[in-house]
Protein backbone atom coordinates (compact mmCIF):
# COMPACT_ATOMS: atom_id res chain seq x y z
CA UNK A 1 0.12 -0.08 -0.40
CA UNK A 2 2.97 2.50 -1.44
CA UNK A 3 1.75 6.15 -1.06
CA UNK A 4 -0.01 6.24 2.51
CA UNK A 5 -0.31 9.59 4.13
CA UNK A 6 0.00 9.68 7.81
CA UNK A 7 -1.43 12.74 9.66
CA UNK A 8 0.94 14.71 12.06
CA UNK A 9 -1.79 15.51 13.87
CA UNK A 10 -5.32 13.21 15.32
CA UNK A 11 -8.15 12.77 17.29
CA UNK A 12 -7.54 10.89 20.83
CA UNK A 13 -8.89 10.70 24.02
CA UNK A 14 -6.01 11.74 26.53
CA UNK A 15 -6.44 12.44 30.35
CA UNK A 16 -4.19 15.01 32.45
CA UNK A 17 -5.38 13.81 35.73
CA UNK A 18 -6.93 11.24 37.68
CA UNK A 19 -10.91 10.95 38.35
CA UNK A 20 -13.69 10.64 37.24
CA UNK A 21 -15.24 10.06 33.81
CA UNK A 22 -15.18 12.96 33.31
CA UNK A 23 -11.19 14.02 33.11
CA UNK A 24 -11.14 12.09 29.65
CA UNK A 25 -10.64 14.91 27.25
CA UNK A 26 -11.32 14.61 23.53
CA UNK A 27 -8.87 16.03 21.30
CA UNK A 28 -8.11 16.50 17.84
CA UNK A 29 -4.68 18.17 17.19
CA UNK A 30 -2.44 15.26 19.66
CA UNK A 31 0.80 14.49 17.59
CA UNK A 32 0.41 11.11 15.93
CA UNK A 33 3.26 9.09 17.29
CA UNK A 34 6.51 7.29 15.66
CA UNK A 35 7.47 4.22 15.84
CA UNK A 36 10.53 2.74 16.81
CA UNK A 37 12.89 0.18 16.77
CA UNK A 38 10.98 -3.24 16.35
CA UNK A 39 7.63 -1.48 16.55
CA UNK A 40 5.07 -0.68 14.04
CA UNK A 41 2.16 2.30 13.65
CA UNK A 42 -1.46 1.49 13.05
CA UNK A 43 -4.60 3.28 11.84
CA UNK A 44 -6.93 1.77 14.11
CA UNK A 45 -10.39 0.81 13.33
CA UNK A 46 -11.20 -0.10 16.76
CA UNK A 47 -10.35 0.34 20.09
CA UNK A 48 -10.83 -2.29 23.01
CA UNK A 49 -12.25 -0.74 25.98
CA UNK A 50 -11.19 -2.38 29.74
CA UNK A 51 -12.16 -2.45 33.14
CA UNK A 52 -8.32 -1.93 33.87
CA UNK A 53 -8.56 1.75 32.14
CA UNK A 54 -10.99 2.58 34.74
CA UNK A 55 -7.98 1.70 36.79
CA UNK A 56 -5.36 4.44 35.44
CA UNK A 57 -7.62 6.72 34.64
CA UNK A 58 -8.96 6.96 38.35
CA UNK A 59 -5.70 6.71 39.82
CA UNK A 60 -5.49 2.89 41.12
CA UNK A 61 -2.68 1.86 39.11
CA UNK A 62 -0.05 4.44 38.51
CA UNK A 63 0.90 5.94 35.60
CA UNK A 64 2.45 9.00 34.48
CA UNK A 65 0.29 12.03 33.17
CA UNK A 66 -0.76 13.45 30.85
CA UNK A 67 -1.68 9.93 29.10
CA UNK A 68 -3.67 8.12 26.75
CA UNK A 69 -5.63 4.60 27.64
CA UNK A 70 -6.65 1.95 26.07
CA UNK A 71 -4.30 -1.44 25.94
CA UNK A 72 -5.50 -2.95 22.40
CA UNK A 73 -6.91 -2.57 18.93
CA UNK A 74 -7.16 -3.56 15.78
CA UNK A 75 -6.35 -1.99 12.51
CA UNK A 76 -4.08 -1.31 9.22
CA UNK A 77 -0.24 -1.42 9.63
CA UNK A 78 0.66 2.52 8.10
CA UNK A 79 4.43 2.74 8.76
CA UNK A 80 7.49 0.18 10.27
CA UNK A 81 10.32 1.36 12.95
CA UNK A 82 13.85 1.06 12.02
CA UNK A 83 15.82 -1.68 11.92
CA UNK A 84 14.79 -5.60 11.39
CA UNK A 85 11.79 -6.98 11.18
CA UNK A 86 12.01 -10.31 11.88
CA UNK A 87 7.96 -11.00 12.16
CA UNK A 88 7.97 -9.63 8.67
CA UNK A 89 5.09 -7.33 8.60
CA UNK A 90 4.19 -4.77 5.47
CA UNK A 91 2.60 -1.83 5.26
CA UNK A 92 -1.18 -3.04 4.57
CA UNK A 93 -1.47 -5.68 6.99
CA UNK A 94 -4.53 -6.16 9.21
CA UNK A 95 -3.25 -6.73 12.95
CA UNK A 96 -4.40 -6.29 16.10
CA UNK A 97 -2.65 -5.46 19.01
CA UNK A 98 -1.45 -5.20 22.73
CA UNK A 99 0.32 -2.13 24.30
CA UNK A 100 -1.04 1.61 25.36
CA UNK A 101 -2.82 4.82 24.22
CA UNK A 102 -5.42 3.23 22.06
CA UNK A 103 -8.11 5.92 22.46
CA UNK A 104 -6.24 6.86 19.19
CA UNK A 105 -6.88 7.14 15.86
CA UNK A 106 -3.07 6.02 15.57
CA UNK A 107 -1.44 3.73 17.96
CA UNK A 108 2.38 2.04 18.21
CA UNK A 109 2.39 -1.54 18.98
CA UNK A 110 5.78 -3.17 19.58
CA UNK A 111 5.55 -5.76 16.16
CA UNK A 112 5.48 -8.68 18.70
CA UNK A 113 3.21 -8.20 20.21
CA UNK A 114 0.72 -7.64 16.87
CA UNK A 115 -2.18 -10.39 17.94
CA UNK A 116 -3.60 -11.33 20.04
CA UNK A 117 -13.33 -22.05 29.48
CA UNK A 118 -15.29 -24.24 30.36
CA UNK A 119 -13.17 -27.32 30.65
CA UNK A 120 -14.13 -30.53 29.63
CA UNK A 121 -15.83 -32.08 32.54
CA UNK A 122 -15.58 -29.44 34.46
CA UNK A 123 -19.10 -28.01 36.24
CA UNK A 124 -19.14 -24.17 35.48
CA UNK A 125 -20.93 -22.20 38.69
CA UNK A 126 -21.80 -18.43 37.91
CA UNK A 127 -23.05 -15.49 39.51
CA UNK A 128 -24.84 -12.51 37.50
CA UNK A 129 -27.00 -9.32 38.76
CA UNK A 130 -30.56 -9.56 37.41
CA UNK A 131 -32.54 -12.05 35.64
CA UNK A 132 -31.01 -11.07 31.63
CA UNK A 133 -27.34 -10.73 32.99
CA UNK A 134 -28.25 -14.62 34.54
CA UNK A 135 -29.55 -15.70 31.53
CA UNK A 136 -27.13 -14.53 29.25
CA UNK A 137 -24.31 -16.31 31.43
CA UNK A 138 -26.62 -19.46 30.72
CA UNK A 139 -26.42 -19.10 27.25
CA UNK A 140 -22.69 -18.71 27.86
CA UNK A 141 -22.21 -22.46 28.97
CA UNK A 142 -22.71 -21.96 32.73
CA UNK A 143 -23.72 -24.91 34.38
CA UNK A 144 -25.43 -22.93 37.50
CA UNK A 145 -26.20 -19.22 37.62
CA UNK A 146 -26.79 -17.47 41.03
CA UNK A 147 -28.51 -13.69 41.05
CA UNK A 148 -26.70 -12.08 43.50
CA UNK A 149 -28.84 -9.49 43.75
CA UNK A 150 -32.02 -11.57 44.19
CA UNK A 151 -33.21 -13.20 47.75
CA UNK A 152 -31.22 -16.65 46.73
CA UNK A 153 -28.01 -14.00 46.43
CA UNK A 154 -28.13 -13.73 49.80
CA UNK A 155 -26.72 -16.92 50.37
CA UNK A 156 -24.43 -16.79 47.68
CA UNK A 157 -21.41 -18.59 49.31
CA UNK A 158 -24.02 -21.29 50.67
CA UNK A 159 -25.75 -22.24 47.14
CA UNK A 160 -22.35 -21.82 45.49
CA UNK A 161 -21.48 -24.82 47.88
CA UNK A 162 -24.47 -27.02 47.56
CA UNK A 163 -23.19 -27.54 43.87
CA UNK A 164 -20.41 -30.32 44.29
CA UNK A 165 -21.81 -31.09 47.90
CA UNK A 166 -20.10 -28.93 50.38
CA UNK A 167 -16.90 -29.58 49.81
CA UNK A 168 -16.44 -26.43 47.72
CA UNK A 169 -14.94 -25.97 44.19
CA UNK A 170 -11.42 -26.49 42.72
CA UNK A 171 -10.52 -23.05 41.75
CA UNK A 172 -12.55 -19.95 42.39
CA UNK A 173 -12.02 -16.97 39.64
CA UNK A 174 -12.75 -13.15 41.37
CA UNK A 175 -12.67 -10.46 38.98
CA UNK A 176 -14.67 -8.64 41.76
CA UNK A 177 -11.90 -7.98 44.35
CA UNK A 178 -13.39 -6.11 47.11
CA UNK A 179 -16.79 -6.97 47.82
CA UNK A 180 -16.64 -11.13 47.42
CA UNK A 181 -13.13 -11.60 48.17
CA UNK A 182 -13.98 -13.72 51.90
CA UNK A 183 -16.17 -15.73 50.48
CA UNK A 184 -14.35 -16.46 47.47
CA UNK A 185 -11.84 -18.04 49.40
CA UNK A 186 -14.62 -19.38 51.93
CA UNK A 187 -15.64 -21.44 48.39
CA UNK A 188 -12.57 -22.94 47.38
CA UNK A 189 -12.20 -26.44 48.09
CA UNK A 190 -8.86 -28.61 50.07
CA UNK A 191 -6.02 -27.73 48.05
CA UNK A 192 -7.84 -25.56 45.34
CA UNK A 193 -7.09 -22.85 43.90
CA UNK A 194 -7.89 -19.23 44.19
CA UNK A 195 -7.09 -16.55 40.71
CA UNK A 196 -7.88 -12.73 41.59
CA UNK A 197 -8.07 -11.48 38.25
CA UNK A 198 -9.78 -8.10 38.54
CA UNK A 199 -10.41 -4.99 40.89
CA UNK A 200 -14.35 -4.12 39.64
CA UNK A 201 -15.46 -3.28 43.06
CA UNK A 202 -12.34 -2.46 44.60
CA UNK A 203 -8.56 -4.02 45.40
CA UNK A 204 -8.49 -6.86 47.58
CA UNK A 205 -7.73 -5.67 51.36
CA UNK A 206 -4.56 -6.79 52.61
CA UNK A 207 -4.85 -10.52 53.22
CA UNK A 208 -4.04 -12.73 56.30
CA UNK A 209 -1.99 -15.44 54.92
CA UNK A 210 -3.71 -18.20 57.49
CA UNK A 211 -6.73 -17.78 55.72
CA UNK A 212 -5.58 -20.17 53.83
CA UNK A 213 -3.70 -22.58 55.85
CA UNK A 214 -6.96 -24.66 56.81
CA UNK A 215 -7.47 -26.02 53.49
CA UNK A 216 -4.00 -25.83 51.67
CA UNK A 217 -5.54 -22.89 49.08
CA UNK A 218 -3.36 -21.51 46.43
CA UNK A 219 -3.88 -17.83 45.52
CA UNK A 220 -3.00 -16.23 42.62
CA UNK A 221 -3.46 -12.50 41.18
CA UNK A 222 -2.67 -12.69 37.68
CA UNK A 223 -3.31 -10.39 33.96
CA UNK A 224 -2.42 -10.56 30.84
CA UNK A 225 0.64 -9.26 30.49
CA UNK A 226 2.16 -11.74 33.14
CA UNK A 227 1.12 -14.48 30.42
CA UNK A 228 2.36 -13.13 27.22
CA UNK A 229 6.18 -11.78 28.02
CA UNK A 230 7.74 -14.03 25.59
CA UNK A 231 6.94 -13.71 21.48
CA UNK A 232 6.93 -17.46 22.35
CA UNK A 233 3.96 -16.91 24.76
CA UNK A 234 2.67 -14.65 22.85
CA UNK A 235 2.29 -16.71 19.55
CA UNK A 236 1.16 -19.75 21.32
CA UNK A 237 -1.81 -18.20 23.51
CA UNK A 238 -3.27 -15.86 20.49
CA UNK A 239 -3.43 -19.42 18.14
CA UNK A 240 -4.73 -21.23 21.32
CA UNK A 241 -7.54 -18.18 21.18
CA UNK A 242 -8.30 -17.78 17.86
CA UNK A 243 -8.91 -21.54 17.32
CA UNK A 244 -11.27 -21.52 19.88
CA UNK A 245 -12.96 -18.89 18.96
CA UNK A 246 -13.18 -20.54 15.14
CA UNK A 247 -14.42 -23.90 16.48
CA UNK A 248 -16.83 -22.37 18.18
CA UNK A 249 -15.81 -23.03 22.23
CA UNK A 250 -15.02 -19.39 22.91
CA UNK A 251 -18.05 -17.36 22.34
CA UNK A 252 -17.72 -13.81 22.19
CA UNK A 253 -19.96 -10.88 22.96
CA UNK A 254 -19.82 -7.51 21.65
CA UNK A 255 -22.13 -5.42 23.52
CA UNK A 256 -22.04 -2.07 21.15
CA UNK A 257 -19.16 0.39 19.73
CA UNK A 258 -19.11 3.66 20.86
CA UNK A 259 -17.54 6.79 18.83
CA UNK A 260 -14.63 8.29 20.39
CA UNK A 261 -15.53 10.71 21.74
CA UNK A 262 -18.12 8.90 23.66
CA UNK A 263 -14.98 7.34 25.52
CA UNK A 264 -16.47 8.77 28.56
CA UNK A 265 -19.72 7.39 28.58
CA UNK A 266 -18.47 3.93 27.42
CA UNK A 267 -16.57 4.21 30.99
CA UNK A 268 -19.99 5.32 33.30
CA UNK A 269 -21.85 2.18 31.48
CA UNK A 270 -18.60 -0.07 32.29
CA UNK A 271 -18.10 1.20 35.78
CA UNK A 272 -22.02 1.25 36.35
CA UNK A 273 -22.92 -2.19 35.17
CA UNK A 274 -24.61 -1.53 32.16
CA UNK A 275 -22.35 -3.65 29.87
CA UNK A 276 -22.39 -7.33 28.80
CA UNK A 277 -19.85 -7.98 26.79
CA UNK A 278 -17.19 -5.94 24.87
CA UNK A 279 -16.50 -1.99 24.62
CA UNK A 280 -15.32 -0.71 21.71
CA UNK A 281 -14.37 3.05 20.49
CA UNK A 282 -14.48 3.77 17.57
CA UNK A 283 -11.68 6.77 16.23
C-alpha cells in the first residue's frame, strides 16, 4: 500500500489527571506517534475498552500523565519502525495489538505484540446481577448461575457450596475483588486455587495468609501481560485463543461500539454495570 499519507495530528482521548469519567478529554490535534525500532504504527479501526482502563483513570494503578488510555486495538499497519523486521510485517497488514495508547486514531505497538473455558468435564458456577444477565451467562455455557441481586443471592456462598456437595470448588475466578473476596476464598475446596484477576469493586484488602492454611489454598493474582511476556508465549496463546473462537468453544459478545469522543460514556456504562460484553471505540 504505497503512498499512504500519515497526518501529523490525530483525534484521541487523553487524561491529564486522575478522576471520574469527566477527566477523559477528547482532542483532535494530538501528535501522531512515531514508531521506534521493533515497533509499528497502526491506524486503528477499533480500540478496546477494558476495566483496567478505569484503574489508570482513577489512579488505582499509577502511570505518568498526561496519557492516552487503551491497551488493545485492531487496524492496519501504516508505517514500520527502523531496524530489523523479524516478524515480516509490511504496510497494509491487518493486525490486532496489545500495548498502550489505544483511545486514538493511531497507535504504536511492539511488532511482537501484534495480535493477539469451560474445561471438559467441569461444572461451571457463575454469578450475575439480574435476570437478563443470568440468562446471558447461562447462554454462554454456565451450568449453574446465581443471581446475587435476588433473595437467593443473599446466601450466595451456601448456594455455591451446594453444587459440589459442600466440599467447595477446585478453582474460583474472581474479577470483582473487594466485595466478594472473603466468600470467594471460603468457596475454594481443600487444595484448591483462588484466582483474582480484577478489581471491579476495588482492590482486595491486605490478606491474612493464615486464612489459606486450613485448606492448603493457593492464591494467584494474574494479569494478561504476565502470560505473554515472550514472543513464544504470545504466539502460543494467540493461536489457542483464535482457534477456540473459530471452533466455537469460546463465545464472544460485543456490547456496543462507541464513537471515540464518547469514551467517557463507555466508562460510565462499564463502571455502572450496564454492559454485558465487549466495549469498543471507533476512532
